[in-house]
């Protein structure tokens, strides 16, 4: 039989291999800071600025994310995953399908989903299986939100899931060339104007065709 000392020694590697709580907090702060700065300044923001916003040293940032591609991957994954959870929460919280869609749109804005758009053209593996799986989860939940609202007669029928995602991404990040300070105070106001335009019955005829998920995948 093993002695207590031998059992303790055998268990030690398991304990020490787990990340410390402060290390996990540092990683979360880095991802959160990067998410904010990617929205404000684009995915090419200096990584020194990310470390400064996160309140960590450069060495800590590079210990967690050896290069920009690794950090971008984690930000895209985090934003997509958190946005999917917000969509699922909206479905569970609202019996009215259009109210659920509206709740999701505003929650997605708070998750800074606009950070995803400029990053999709960045230098990182956007076809990574982990990212593709999370993106599919998000698309399926949002498609369900749109389909239910449309079937209930609460959502105009001449739009597609892509229309919702495109407008959401456009309205949740600053326009190029303008200062971003204070711009967030208009986001939910403008999103509500957009949502008012989605309600059935439609008050106008839309030009062109609805944007589909296939359109977005083709342009990504």
C-alpha atoms as a PDB file:
ATOM      1  CA  UNK A   1       0.000   0.000   0.000  1.00  0.00           C
ATOM      2  CA  UNK A   2       1.096   3.568  -0.641  1.00  0.00           C
ATOM      3  CA  UNK A   3       2.107   5.651   2.305  1.00  0.00           C
ATOM      4  CA  UNK A   4       0.460   9.024   2.956  1.00  0.00           C
ATOM      5  CA  UNK A   5       3.621  10.731   1.731  1.00  0.00           C
ATOM      6  CA  UNK A   6       3.572   8.752  -1.515  1.00  0.00           C
ATOM      7  CA  UNK A   7      -0.123   9.546  -2.094  1.00  0.00           C
ATOM      8  CA  UNK A   8       0.527  13.224  -1.454  1.00  0.00           C
ATOM      9  CA  UNK A   9       3.454  13.254  -3.866  1.00  0.00           C
ATOM     10  CA  UNK A  10       1.396  11.511  -6.545  1.00  0.00           C
ATOM     11  CA  UNK A  11      -1.430  14.028  -6.186  1.00  0.00           C
ATOM     12  CA  UNK A  12       0.839  17.066  -6.218  1.00  0.00           C
ATOM     13  CA  UNK A  13       1.190  17.365 -10.023  1.00  0.00           C
ATOM     14  CA  UNK A  14      -2.607  17.452 -10.381  1.00  0.00           C
ATOM     15  CA  UNK A  15      -2.869  20.329  -7.946  1.00  0.00           C
ATOM     16  CA  UNK A  16      -0.029  22.369  -9.393  1.00  0.00           C
ATOM     17  CA  UNK A  17      -1.160  21.875 -13.006  1.00  0.00           C
ATOM     18  CA  UNK A  18      -4.384  23.775 -12.377  1.00  0.00           C
ATOM     19  CA  UNK A  19      -4.209  27.518 -13.201  1.00  0.00           C
ATOM     20  CA  UNK A  20      -4.248  29.727 -10.141  1.00  0.00           C
ATOM     21  CA  UNK A  21      -7.303  31.931  -9.582  1.00  0.00           C
ATOM     22  CA  UNK A  22      -5.271  35.098 -10.106  1.00  0.00           C
ATOM     23  CA  UNK A  23      -3.874  33.712 -13.373  1.00  0.00           C
ATOM     24  CA  UNK A  24      -7.408  33.001 -14.615  1.00  0.00           C
ATOM     25  CA  UNK A  25      -8.501  36.503 -13.612  1.00  0.00           C
ATOM     26  CA  UNK A  26      -5.558  38.006 -15.508  1.00  0.00           C
ATOM     27  CA  UNK A  27      -6.485  36.020 -18.604  1.00  0.00           C
ATOM     28  CA  UNK A  28     -10.111  37.155 -18.370  1.00  0.00           C
ATOM     29  CA  UNK A  29      -9.021  40.778 -17.928  1.00  0.00           C
ATOM     30  CA  UNK A  30      -6.813  40.561 -21.005  1.00  0.00           C
ATOM     31  CA  UNK A  31      -9.616  39.130 -23.156  1.00  0.00           C
ATOM     32  CA  UNK A  32     -12.083  41.731 -21.879  1.00  0.00           C
ATOM     33  CA  UNK A  33      -9.652  44.590 -22.516  1.00  0.00           C
ATOM     34  CA  UNK A  34      -8.880  43.286 -26.002  1.00  0.00           C
ATOM     35  CA  UNK A  35     -12.582  43.012 -26.792  1.00  0.00           C
ATOM     36  CA  UNK A  36     -13.134  46.655 -25.837  1.00  0.00           C
ATOM     37  CA  UNK A  37     -10.096  47.943 -27.703  1.00  0.00           C
ATOM     38  CA  UNK A  38     -10.846  45.897 -30.832  1.00  0.00           C
ATOM     39  CA  UNK A  39     -14.254  47.602 -30.969  1.00  0.00           C
ATOM     40  CA  UNK A  40     -12.797  51.041 -30.335  1.00  0.00           C
ATOM     41  CA  UNK A  41      -9.671  50.906 -32.480  1.00  0.00           C
ATOM     42  CA  UNK A  42      -9.776  47.754 -34.593  1.00  0.00           C
ATOM     43  CA  UNK A  43      -7.919  44.436 -34.341  1.00  0.00           C
ATOM     44  CA  UNK A  44      -4.511  46.019 -35.007  1.00  0.00           C
ATOM     45  CA  UNK A  45      -4.485  47.939 -31.735  1.00  0.00           C
ATOM     46  CA  UNK A  46      -1.018  47.694 -30.078  1.00  0.00           C
ATOM     47  CA  UNK A  47      -0.869  44.789 -27.665  1.00  0.00           C
ATOM     48  CA  UNK A  48       0.885  47.069 -25.183  1.00  0.00           C
ATOM     49  CA  UNK A  49      -2.380  49.038 -25.041  1.00  0.00           C
ATOM     50  CA  UNK A  50      -4.285  45.823 -24.331  1.00  0.00           C
ATOM     51  CA  UNK A  51      -1.968  45.001 -21.438  1.00  0.00           C
ATOM     52  CA  UNK A  52      -2.296  48.538 -20.098  1.00  0.00           C
ATOM     53  CA  UNK A  53      -6.118  48.465 -20.304  1.00  0.00           C
ATOM     54  CA  UNK A  54      -6.161  45.058 -18.590  1.00  0.00           C
ATOM     55  CA  UNK A  55      -3.882  46.278 -15.818  1.00  0.00           C
ATOM     56  CA  UNK A  56      -1.252  43.600 -16.397  1.00  0.00           C
ATOM     57  CA  UNK A  57       2.338  43.615 -17.562  1.00  0.00           C
ATOM     58  CA  UNK A  58       3.394  42.773 -21.109  1.00  0.00           C
ATOM     59  CA  UNK A  59       5.002  39.572 -19.866  1.00  0.00           C
ATOM     60  CA  UNK A  60       1.680  38.405 -18.432  1.00  0.00           C
ATOM     61  CA  UNK A  61      -0.100  39.124 -21.712  1.00  0.00           C
ATOM     62  CA  UNK A  62       2.447  37.202 -23.796  1.00  0.00           C
ATOM     63  CA  UNK A  63       2.525  34.342 -21.302  1.00  0.00           C
ATOM     64  CA  UNK A  64      -1.202  33.860 -21.948  1.00  0.00           C
ATOM     65  CA  UNK A  65      -1.245  34.803 -25.631  1.00  0.00           C
ATOM     66  CA  UNK A  66       2.072  34.434 -27.471  1.00  0.00           C
ATOM     67  CA  UNK A  67       0.922  36.481 -30.476  1.00  0.00           C
ATOM     68  CA  UNK A  68      -1.927  38.582 -31.853  1.00  0.00           C
ATOM     69  CA  UNK A  69      -3.515  35.604 -33.613  1.00  0.00           C
ATOM     70  CA  UNK A  70      -3.860  33.681 -30.340  1.00  0.00           C
ATOM     71  CA  UNK A  71      -5.446  36.667 -28.596  1.00  0.00           C
ATOM     72  CA  UNK A  72      -7.801  37.357 -31.498  1.00  0.00           C
ATOM     73  CA  UNK A  73      -8.880  33.720 -31.518  1.00  0.00           C
ATOM     74  CA  UNK A  74      -9.757  33.899 -27.831  1.00  0.00           C
ATOM     75  CA  UNK A  75     -11.655  37.190 -28.194  1.00  0.00           C
ATOM     76  CA  UNK A  76     -13.722  35.901 -31.125  1.00  0.00           C
ATOM     77  CA  UNK A  77     -14.479  32.698 -29.232  1.00  0.00           C
ATOM     78  CA  UNK A  78     -15.423  34.567 -26.054  1.00  0.00           C
ATOM     79  CA  UNK A  79     -17.672  37.104 -27.788  1.00  0.00           C
ATOM     80  CA  UNK A  80     -19.413  34.432 -29.865  1.00  0.00           C
ATOM     81  CA  UNK A  81     -19.934  32.117 -26.878  1.00  0.00           C
ATOM     82  CA  UNK A  82     -21.246  34.880 -24.604  1.00  0.00           C
ATOM     83  CA  UNK A  83     -23.583  36.151 -27.326  1.00  0.00           C
ATOM     84  CA  UNK A  84     -24.969  32.645 -27.836  1.00  0.00           C
ATOM     85  CA  UNK A  85     -25.717  32.418 -24.118  1.00  0.00           C
ATOM     86  CA  UNK A  86     -27.546  35.760 -24.272  1.00  0.00           C
ATOM     87  CA  UNK A  87     -29.695  34.436 -27.130  1.00  0.00           C
ATOM     88  CA  UNK A  88     -30.530  31.305 -25.139  1.00  0.00           C
ATOM     89  CA  UNK A  89     -31.379  33.417 -22.092  1.00  0.00           C
ATOM     90  CA  UNK A  90     -33.697  35.589 -24.208  1.00  0.00           C
ATOM     91  CA  UNK A  91     -35.579  32.518 -25.425  1.00  0.00           C
ATOM     92  CA  UNK A  92     -36.001  31.279 -21.856  1.00  0.00           C
ATOM     93  CA  UNK A  93     -37.019  34.658 -20.411  1.00  0.00           C
ATOM     94  CA  UNK A  94     -39.581  35.901 -22.952  1.00  0.00           C
ATOM     95  CA  UNK A  95     -42.788  34.178 -24.031  1.00  0.00           C
ATOM     96  CA  UNK A  96     -43.377  36.727 -26.803  1.00  0.00           C
ATOM     97  CA  UNK A  97     -41.052  35.766 -29.714  1.00  0.00           C
ATOM     98  CA  UNK A  98     -40.488  39.371 -30.783  1.00  0.00           C
ATOM     99  CA  UNK A  99     -39.710  40.410 -27.214  1.00  0.00           C
ATOM    100  CA  UNK A 100     -37.172  37.571 -27.098  1.00  0.00           C
ATOM    101  CA  UNK A 101     -35.567  38.800 -30.324  1.00  0.00           C
ATOM    102  CA  UNK A 102     -35.460  42.368 -29.005  1.00  0.00           C
ATOM    103  CA  UNK A 103     -33.952  41.236 -25.709  1.00  0.00           C
ATOM    104  CA  UNK A 104     -31.249  39.350 -27.581  1.00  0.00           C
ATOM    105  CA  UNK A 105     -30.391  42.288 -29.857  1.00  0.00           C
ATOM    106  CA  UNK A 106     -29.828  44.634 -26.916  1.00  0.00           C
ATOM    107  CA  UNK A 107     -27.910  41.968 -24.963  1.00  0.00           C
ATOM    108  CA  UNK A 108     -25.675  41.253 -27.957  1.00  0.00           C
ATOM    109  CA  UNK A 109     -24.815  44.939 -28.118  1.00  0.00           C
ATOM    110  CA  UNK A 110     -23.717  44.821 -24.481  1.00  0.00           C
ATOM    111  CA  UNK A 111     -21.480  41.869 -25.367  1.00  0.00           C
ATOM    112  CA  UNK A 112     -19.727  44.105 -27.933  1.00  0.00           C
ATOM    113  CA  UNK A 113     -20.598  41.816 -30.823  1.00  0.00           C
ATOM    114  CA  UNK A 114     -19.312  44.542 -33.146  1.00  0.00           C
ATOM    115  CA  UNK A 115     -15.823  43.367 -32.183  1.00  0.00           C
ATOM    116  CA  UNK A 116     -16.281  40.367 -34.456  1.00  0.00           C
ATOM    117  CA  UNK A 117     -16.622  42.163 -37.788  1.00  0.00           C
ATOM    118  CA  UNK A 118     -13.189  43.779 -38.235  1.00  0.00           C
ATOM    119  CA  UNK A 119     -11.507  40.689 -36.810  1.00  0.00           C
ATOM    120  CA  UNK A 120     -12.919  38.350 -39.434  1.00  0.00           C
ATOM    121  CA  UNK A 121     -10.479  39.821 -41.951  1.00  0.00           C
ATOM    122  CA  UNK A 122      -7.555  39.590 -39.545  1.00  0.00           C
ATOM    123  CA  UNK A 123      -4.577  37.267 -39.578  1.00  0.00           C
ATOM    124  CA  UNK A 124      -5.837  34.279 -37.642  1.00  0.00           C
ATOM    125  CA  UNK A 125      -7.498  30.973 -38.404  1.00  0.00           C
ATOM    126  CA  UNK A 126     -11.167  31.929 -38.711  1.00  0.00           C
ATOM    127  CA  UNK A 127     -11.890  28.374 -39.906  1.00  0.00           C
ATOM    128  CA  UNK A 128     -10.618  26.811 -36.687  1.00  0.00           C
ATOM    129  CA  UNK A 129     -13.036  23.988 -35.705  1.00  0.00           C
ATOM    130  CA  UNK A 130     -13.607  25.520 -32.278  1.00  0.00           C
ATOM    131  CA  UNK A 131     -14.655  28.847 -33.803  1.00  0.00           C
ATOM    132  CA  UNK A 132     -16.792  27.244 -36.501  1.00  0.00           C
ATOM    133  CA  UNK A 133     -18.665  25.169 -33.919  1.00  0.00           C
ATOM    134  CA  UNK A 134     -19.376  28.197 -31.745  1.00  0.00           C
ATOM    135  CA  UNK A 135     -20.444  30.251 -34.741  1.00  0.00           C
ATOM    136  CA  UNK A 136     -22.860  27.505 -35.789  1.00  0.00           C
ATOM    137  CA  UNK A 137     -24.377  27.450 -32.293  1.00  0.00           C
ATOM    138  CA  UNK A 138     -24.956  31.206 -32.437  1.00  0.00           C
ATOM    139  CA  UNK A 139     -26.450  31.083 -35.918  1.00  0.00           C
ATOM    140  CA  UNK A 140     -28.839  28.286 -34.972  1.00  0.00           C
ATOM    141  CA  UNK A 141     -30.126  30.096 -31.879  1.00  0.00           C
ATOM    142  CA  UNK A 142     -30.573  33.420 -33.697  1.00  0.00           C
ATOM    143  CA  UNK A 143     -32.246  31.672 -36.619  1.00  0.00           C
ATOM    144  CA  UNK A 144     -34.655  30.128 -34.131  1.00  0.00           C
ATOM    145  CA  UNK A 145     -35.425  33.552 -32.650  1.00  0.00           C
ATOM    146  CA  UNK A 146     -36.161  34.999 -36.074  1.00  0.00           C
ATOM    147  CA  UNK A 147     -38.212  32.008 -37.244  1.00  0.00           C
ATOM    148  CA  UNK A 148     -40.404  31.979 -34.126  1.00  0.00           C
ATOM    149  CA  UNK A 149     -41.068  35.722 -34.297  1.00  0.00           C
ATOM    150  CA  UNK A 150     -41.939  35.449 -37.972  1.00  0.00           C
ATOM    151  CA  UNK A 151     -44.213  32.434 -37.474  1.00  0.00           C
ATOM    152  CA  UNK A 152     -46.068  34.299 -34.722  1.00  0.00           C
ATOM    153  CA  UNK A 153     -46.757  37.181 -37.101  1.00  0.00           C
ATOM    154  CA  UNK A 154     -44.643  39.547 -34.997  1.00  0.00           C
ATOM    155  CA  UNK A 155     -41.765  39.974 -37.442  1.00  0.00           C
ATOM    156  CA  UNK A 156     -41.942  41.204 -41.019  1.00  0.00           C
ATOM    157  CA  UNK A 157     -41.393  38.400 -43.494  1.00  0.00           C
ATOM    158  CA  UNK A 158     -39.121  40.146 -45.999  1.00  0.00           C
ATOM    159  CA  UNK A 159     -35.997  39.991 -43.832  1.00  0.00           C
ATOM    160  CA  UNK A 160     -33.491  37.254 -43.074  1.00  0.00           C
ATOM    161  CA  UNK A 161     -31.291  36.230 -40.167  1.00  0.00           C
ATOM    162  CA  UNK A 162     -28.384  37.879 -41.951  1.00  0.00           C
ATOM    163  CA  UNK A 163     -30.168  41.240 -41.872  1.00  0.00           C
ATOM    164  CA  UNK A 164     -30.373  41.072 -38.092  1.00  0.00           C
ATOM    165  CA  UNK A 165     -26.714  40.103 -37.661  1.00  0.00           C
ATOM    166  CA  UNK A 166     -25.415  42.659 -40.186  1.00  0.00           C
ATOM    167  CA  UNK A 167     -27.279  45.603 -38.657  1.00  0.00           C
ATOM    168  CA  UNK A 168     -26.399  44.471 -35.152  1.00  0.00           C
ATOM    169  CA  UNK A 169     -22.698  44.382 -35.985  1.00  0.00           C
ATOM    170  CA  UNK A 170     -22.833  47.743 -37.761  1.00  0.00           C
ATOM    171  CA  UNK A 171     -24.631  49.537 -34.952  1.00  0.00           C
ATOM    172  CA  UNK A 172     -22.400  48.239 -32.173  1.00  0.00           C
ATOM    173  CA  UNK A 173     -19.063  49.636 -33.252  1.00  0.00           C
ATOM    174  CA  UNK A 174     -17.907  53.220 -33.962  1.00  0.00           C
ATOM    175  CA  UNK A 175     -17.722  54.435 -37.524  1.00  0.00           C
ATOM    176  CA  UNK A 176     -14.165  54.624 -38.939  1.00  0.00           C
ATOM    177  CA  UNK A 177     -12.424  57.912 -38.372  1.00  0.00           C
ATOM    178  CA  UNK A 178     -14.502  59.166 -35.456  1.00  0.00           C
ATOM    179  CA  UNK A 179     -13.691  59.269 -31.775  1.00  0.00           C
ATOM    180  CA  UNK A 180     -15.423  56.448 -29.945  1.00  0.00           C
ATOM    181  CA  UNK A 181     -15.793  58.235 -26.624  1.00  0.00           C
ATOM    182  CA  UNK A 182     -19.463  58.553 -25.781  1.00  0.00           C
ATOM    183  CA  UNK A 183     -20.686  56.753 -28.893  1.00  0.00           C
ATOM    184  CA  UNK A 184     -22.088  53.875 -26.811  1.00  0.00           C
ATOM    185  CA  UNK A 185     -24.832  56.065 -25.409  1.00  0.00           C
ATOM    186  CA  UNK A 186     -26.546  56.005 -28.814  1.00  0.00           C
ATOM    187  CA  UNK A 187     -26.261  52.262 -29.445  1.00  0.00           C
ATOM    188  CA  UNK A 188     -29.418  51.025 -27.717  1.00  0.00           C
ATOM    189  CA  UNK A 189     -31.402  53.995 -29.019  1.00  0.00           C
ATOM    190  CA  UNK A 190     -30.506  53.169 -32.618  1.00  0.00           C
ATOM    191  CA  UNK A 191     -31.018  49.452 -32.096  1.00  0.00           C
ATOM    192  CA  UNK A 192     -34.544  50.168 -30.856  1.00  0.00           C
ATOM    193  CA  UNK A 193     -35.243  52.181 -34.008  1.00  0.00           C
ATOM    194  CA  UNK A 194     -34.056  49.176 -36.006  1.00  0.00           C
ATOM    195  CA  UNK A 195     -36.256  46.803 -34.002  1.00  0.00           C
ATOM    196  CA  UNK A 196     -39.286  49.048 -34.526  1.00  0.00           C
ATOM    197  CA  UNK A 197     -38.696  48.685 -38.252  1.00  0.00           C
ATOM    198  CA  UNK A 198     -38.667  44.899 -37.975  1.00  0.00           C
ATOM    199  CA  UNK A 199     -42.109  44.564 -36.438  1.00  0.00           C
ATOM    200  CA  UNK A 200     -45.025  43.325 -38.484  1.00  0.00           C
ATOM    201  CA  UNK A 201     -46.963  44.605 -40.274  1.00  0.00           C
ATOM    202  CA  UNK A 202     -44.219  46.057 -42.454  1.00  0.00           C
ATOM    203  CA  UNK A 203     -44.517  49.793 -43.039  1.00  0.00           C
ATOM    204  CA  UNK A 204     -42.446  49.881 -46.211  1.00  0.00           C
ATOM    205  CA  UNK A 205     -41.150  47.744 -49.041  1.00  0.00           C
ATOM    206  CA  UNK A 206     -37.491  46.861 -48.664  1.00  0.00           C
ATOM    207  CA  UNK A 207     -35.213  47.122 -51.698  1.00  0.00           C
ATOM    208  CA  UNK A 208     -33.060  44.151 -52.686  1.00  0.00           C
ATOM    209  CA  UNK A 209     -33.239  40.723 -51.113  1.00  0.00           C
ATOM    210  CA  UNK A 210     -32.961  39.473 -47.543  1.00  0.00           C
ATOM    211  CA  UNK A 211     -29.478  38.763 -46.221  1.00  0.00           C
ATOM    212  CA  UNK A 212     -29.043  35.084 -45.420  1.00  0.00           C
ATOM    213  CA  UNK A 213     -26.524  33.210 -43.306  1.00  0.00           C
ATOM    214  CA  UNK A 214     -25.081  31.853 -46.564  1.00  0.00           C
ATOM    215  CA  UNK A 215     -24.458  35.443 -47.712  1.00  0.00           C
ATOM    216  CA  UNK A 216     -22.539  36.180 -44.530  1.00  0.00           C
ATOM    217  CA  UNK A 217     -20.470  32.997 -44.785  1.00  0.00           C
ATOM    218  CA  UNK A 218     -19.626  33.775 -48.398  1.00  0.00           C
ATOM    219  CA  UNK A 219     -18.433  37.294 -47.503  1.00  0.00           C
ATOM    220  CA  UNK A 220     -16.484  36.220 -44.388  1.00  0.00           C
END
